Amino acid sequence: MSEEQSFEQAFAQLEEIVQRLEAGGLDLEASLALFEEGVKLARWCETKLDEAQLRVDQLVGDELAPFEES
């Protein structure tokens, strides 16, 4: 996984790993290696989402009031 990788690329790679693990047919070592890579990708994606949320919060500030249903 490279730092220049986009969120979308990392997420697509994570989805592919999940599909491969769900399909089965892998030996234990291959499954563990894929699982480890998936965990790393999931954490990286979560960090990027947290950073994006922080930027949105900083840009919007207090401008957004909670939505109230009428």
N, C-alpha and C. Protein backbone atom coordinates (compact mmCIF):
# COMPACT_ATOMS: atom_id res chain seq x y z
N MET A 1 0.86 -1.18 0.00
CA MET A 1 0.00 0.00 0.00
C MET A 1 0.89 1.22 0.00
N SER A 2 0.63 2.11 -0.91
CA SER A 2 1.45 3.30 -1.05
C SER A 2 0.69 4.53 -0.58
N GLU A 3 1.42 5.50 -0.03
CA GLU A 3 0.79 6.73 0.45
C GLU A 3 0.15 7.50 -0.70
N GLU A 4 0.66 7.32 -1.93
CA GLU A 4 0.08 8.02 -3.07
C GLU A 4 -1.21 7.38 -3.55
N GLN A 5 -1.54 6.25 -2.99
CA GLN A 5 -2.76 5.54 -3.37
C GLN A 5 -3.98 6.36 -2.94
N SER A 6 -4.98 6.42 -3.80
CA SER A 6 -6.19 7.16 -3.45
C SER A 6 -7.06 6.31 -2.53
N PHE A 7 -7.97 6.99 -1.85
CA PHE A 7 -8.92 6.29 -0.99
C PHE A 7 -9.70 5.26 -1.82
N GLU A 8 -10.13 5.67 -3.00
CA GLU A 8 -10.93 4.80 -3.85
C GLU A 8 -10.16 3.55 -4.26
N GLN A 9 -8.88 3.71 -4.56
CA GLN A 9 -8.05 2.56 -4.93
C GLN A 9 -7.88 1.61 -3.74
N ALA A 10 -7.63 2.18 -2.58
CA ALA A 10 -7.45 1.36 -1.38
C ALA A 10 -8.73 0.63 -1.03
N PHE A 11 -9.87 1.31 -1.15
CA PHE A 11 -11.15 0.69 -0.83
C PHE A 11 -11.46 -0.43 -1.81
N ALA A 12 -11.17 -0.21 -3.09
CA ALA A 12 -11.39 -1.26 -4.10
C ALA A 12 -10.50 -2.47 -3.81
N GLN A 13 -9.27 -2.22 -3.40
CA GLN A 13 -8.36 -3.31 -3.06
C GLN A 13 -8.88 -4.07 -1.84
N LEU A 14 -9.41 -3.34 -0.87
CA LEU A 14 -9.99 -3.97 0.32
C LEU A 14 -11.19 -4.84 -0.07
N GLU A 15 -12.04 -4.33 -0.94
CA GLU A 15 -13.19 -5.12 -1.39
C GLU A 15 -12.74 -6.41 -2.08
N GLU A 16 -11.69 -6.31 -2.88
CA GLU A 16 -11.17 -7.49 -3.58
C GLU A 16 -10.65 -8.52 -2.57
N ILE A 17 -9.97 -8.05 -1.54
CA ILE A 17 -9.46 -8.96 -0.51
C ILE A 17 -10.62 -9.66 0.19
N VAL A 18 -11.65 -8.91 0.53
CA VAL A 18 -12.82 -9.50 1.19
C VAL A 18 -13.44 -10.58 0.30
N GLN A 19 -13.58 -10.29 -0.99
CA GLN A 19 -14.16 -11.27 -1.91
C GLN A 19 -13.31 -12.54 -1.98
N ARG A 20 -12.00 -12.36 -2.02
CA ARG A 20 -11.10 -13.53 -2.09
C ARG A 20 -11.19 -14.36 -0.82
N LEU A 21 -11.26 -13.69 0.33
CA LEU A 21 -11.38 -14.42 1.59
C LEU A 21 -12.72 -15.13 1.69
N GLU A 22 -13.79 -14.47 1.26
CA GLU A 22 -15.12 -15.08 1.32
C GLU A 22 -15.25 -16.25 0.36
N ALA A 23 -14.54 -16.20 -0.76
CA ALA A 23 -14.61 -17.27 -1.75
C ALA A 23 -13.97 -18.56 -1.23
N GLY A 24 -13.02 -18.39 -0.31
CA GLY A 24 -12.37 -19.57 0.25
C GLY A 24 -11.36 -20.17 -0.71
N GLY A 25 -10.94 -21.39 -0.40
CA GLY A 25 -10.00 -22.09 -1.26
C GLY A 25 -8.55 -21.70 -1.04
N LEU A 26 -8.28 -20.82 -0.10
CA LEU A 26 -6.91 -20.41 0.18
C LEU A 26 -6.36 -21.20 1.35
N ASP A 27 -5.06 -21.42 1.33
CA ASP A 27 -4.47 -22.08 2.49
C ASP A 27 -4.37 -21.08 3.64
N LEU A 28 -4.02 -21.58 4.81
CA LEU A 28 -4.01 -20.76 6.02
C LEU A 28 -3.07 -19.57 5.88
N GLU A 29 -1.87 -19.80 5.39
CA GLU A 29 -0.88 -18.71 5.28
C GLU A 29 -1.36 -17.63 4.32
N ALA A 30 -1.92 -18.02 3.19
CA ALA A 30 -2.42 -17.05 2.22
C ALA A 30 -3.59 -16.27 2.81
N SER A 31 -4.46 -16.97 3.53
CA SER A 31 -5.60 -16.30 4.17
C SER A 31 -5.14 -15.29 5.20
N LEU A 32 -4.17 -15.68 6.02
CA LEU A 32 -3.65 -14.77 7.04
C LEU A 32 -2.97 -13.55 6.41
N ALA A 33 -2.22 -13.77 5.35
CA ALA A 33 -1.55 -12.66 4.67
C ALA A 33 -2.58 -11.69 4.09
N LEU A 34 -3.62 -12.24 3.46
CA LEU A 34 -4.67 -11.38 2.92
C LEU A 34 -5.41 -10.65 4.03
N PHE A 35 -5.70 -11.35 5.10
CA PHE A 35 -6.40 -10.74 6.23
C PHE A 35 -5.57 -9.59 6.80
N GLU A 36 -4.27 -9.81 6.96
CA GLU A 36 -3.39 -8.77 7.48
C GLU A 36 -3.39 -7.55 6.57
N GLU A 37 -3.28 -7.77 5.27
CA GLU A 37 -3.32 -6.65 4.32
C GLU A 37 -4.66 -5.94 4.37
N GLY A 38 -5.74 -6.70 4.52
CA GLY A 38 -7.06 -6.10 4.63
C GLY A 38 -7.20 -5.23 5.86
N VAL A 39 -6.66 -5.67 6.97
CA VAL A 39 -6.71 -4.87 8.21
C VAL A 39 -5.94 -3.57 8.01
N LYS A 40 -4.77 -3.66 7.40
CA LYS A 40 -3.97 -2.46 7.14
C LYS A 40 -4.73 -1.48 6.25
N LEU A 41 -5.34 -2.02 5.20
CA LEU A 41 -6.11 -1.16 4.29
C LEU A 41 -7.31 -0.54 4.99
N ALA A 42 -8.01 -1.32 5.79
CA ALA A 42 -9.17 -0.81 6.51
C ALA A 42 -8.77 0.32 7.45
N ARG A 43 -7.67 0.14 8.15
CA ARG A 43 -7.19 1.19 9.06
C ARG A 43 -6.78 2.44 8.29
N TRP A 44 -6.10 2.25 7.16
CA TRP A 44 -5.68 3.37 6.33
C TRP A 44 -6.90 4.13 5.82
N CYS A 45 -7.90 3.39 5.34
CA CYS A 45 -9.13 4.03 4.85
C CYS A 45 -9.84 4.77 5.98
N GLU A 46 -9.89 4.17 7.15
CA GLU A 46 -10.54 4.82 8.29
C GLU A 46 -9.83 6.13 8.65
N THR A 47 -8.51 6.12 8.60
CA THR A 47 -7.74 7.34 8.87
C THR A 47 -8.05 8.41 7.84
N LYS A 48 -8.11 8.03 6.58
CA LYS A 48 -8.43 9.00 5.52
C LYS A 48 -9.83 9.56 5.70
N LEU A 49 -10.79 8.72 6.07
CA LEU A 49 -12.15 9.21 6.32
C LEU A 49 -12.19 10.16 7.51
N ASP A 50 -11.44 9.83 8.56
CA ASP A 50 -11.37 10.72 9.73
C ASP A 50 -10.78 12.07 9.35
N GLU A 51 -9.71 12.05 8.53
CA GLU A 51 -9.09 13.29 8.07
C GLU A 51 -10.07 14.11 7.23
N ALA A 52 -10.81 13.44 6.36
CA ALA A 52 -11.78 14.14 5.53
C ALA A 52 -12.89 14.75 6.39
N GLN A 53 -13.35 14.01 7.39
CA GLN A 53 -14.39 14.52 8.28
C GLN A 53 -13.89 15.75 9.05
N LEU A 54 -12.65 15.71 9.48
CA LEU A 54 -12.07 16.85 10.19
C LEU A 54 -12.01 18.08 9.29
N ARG A 55 -11.61 17.88 8.03
CA ARG A 55 -11.56 19.00 7.08
C ARG A 55 -12.95 19.58 6.86
N VAL A 56 -13.93 18.72 6.68
CA VAL A 56 -15.31 19.19 6.49
C VAL A 56 -15.76 19.97 7.70
N ASP A 57 -15.50 19.43 8.88
CA ASP A 57 -15.90 20.12 10.12
C ASP A 57 -15.23 21.48 10.23
N GLN A 58 -13.95 21.57 9.85
CA GLN A 58 -13.23 22.83 9.92
C GLN A 58 -13.78 23.83 8.90
N LEU A 59 -14.12 23.36 7.72
CA LEU A 59 -14.64 24.24 6.68
C LEU A 59 -16.03 24.75 7.00
N VAL A 60 -16.85 23.87 7.52
CA VAL A 60 -18.24 24.22 7.79
C VAL A 60 -18.35 24.97 9.11
N GLY A 61 -17.57 24.56 10.08
CA GLY A 61 -17.62 25.21 11.39
C GLY A 61 -19.00 25.11 11.99
N ASP A 62 -19.47 26.21 12.51
CA ASP A 62 -20.78 26.26 13.17
C ASP A 62 -21.89 26.63 12.21
N GLU A 63 -21.60 26.67 10.91
CA GLU A 63 -22.59 27.11 9.94
C GLU A 63 -23.78 26.16 9.82
N LEU A 64 -23.57 24.90 10.13
CA LEU A 64 -24.65 23.94 10.00
C LEU A 64 -25.37 23.76 11.32
N ALA A 65 -26.66 24.00 11.28
CA ALA A 65 -27.49 23.74 12.45
C ALA A 65 -28.07 22.34 12.30
N PRO A 66 -28.34 21.66 13.39
CA PRO A 66 -28.95 20.33 13.28
C PRO A 66 -30.29 20.40 12.54
N PHE A 67 -30.54 19.39 11.75
CA PHE A 67 -31.79 19.32 10.99
C PHE A 67 -32.93 18.98 11.94
N GLU A 68 -33.97 19.77 11.86
CA GLU A 68 -35.16 19.50 12.68
C GLU A 68 -36.33 19.24 11.76
N GLU A 69 -37.01 18.13 12.00
CA GLU A 69 -38.18 17.81 11.19
C GLU A 69 -39.34 18.69 11.62
N SER A 70 -40.17 19.10 10.63
CA SER A 70 -41.33 19.92 10.97
C SER A 70 -42.54 19.08 11.19
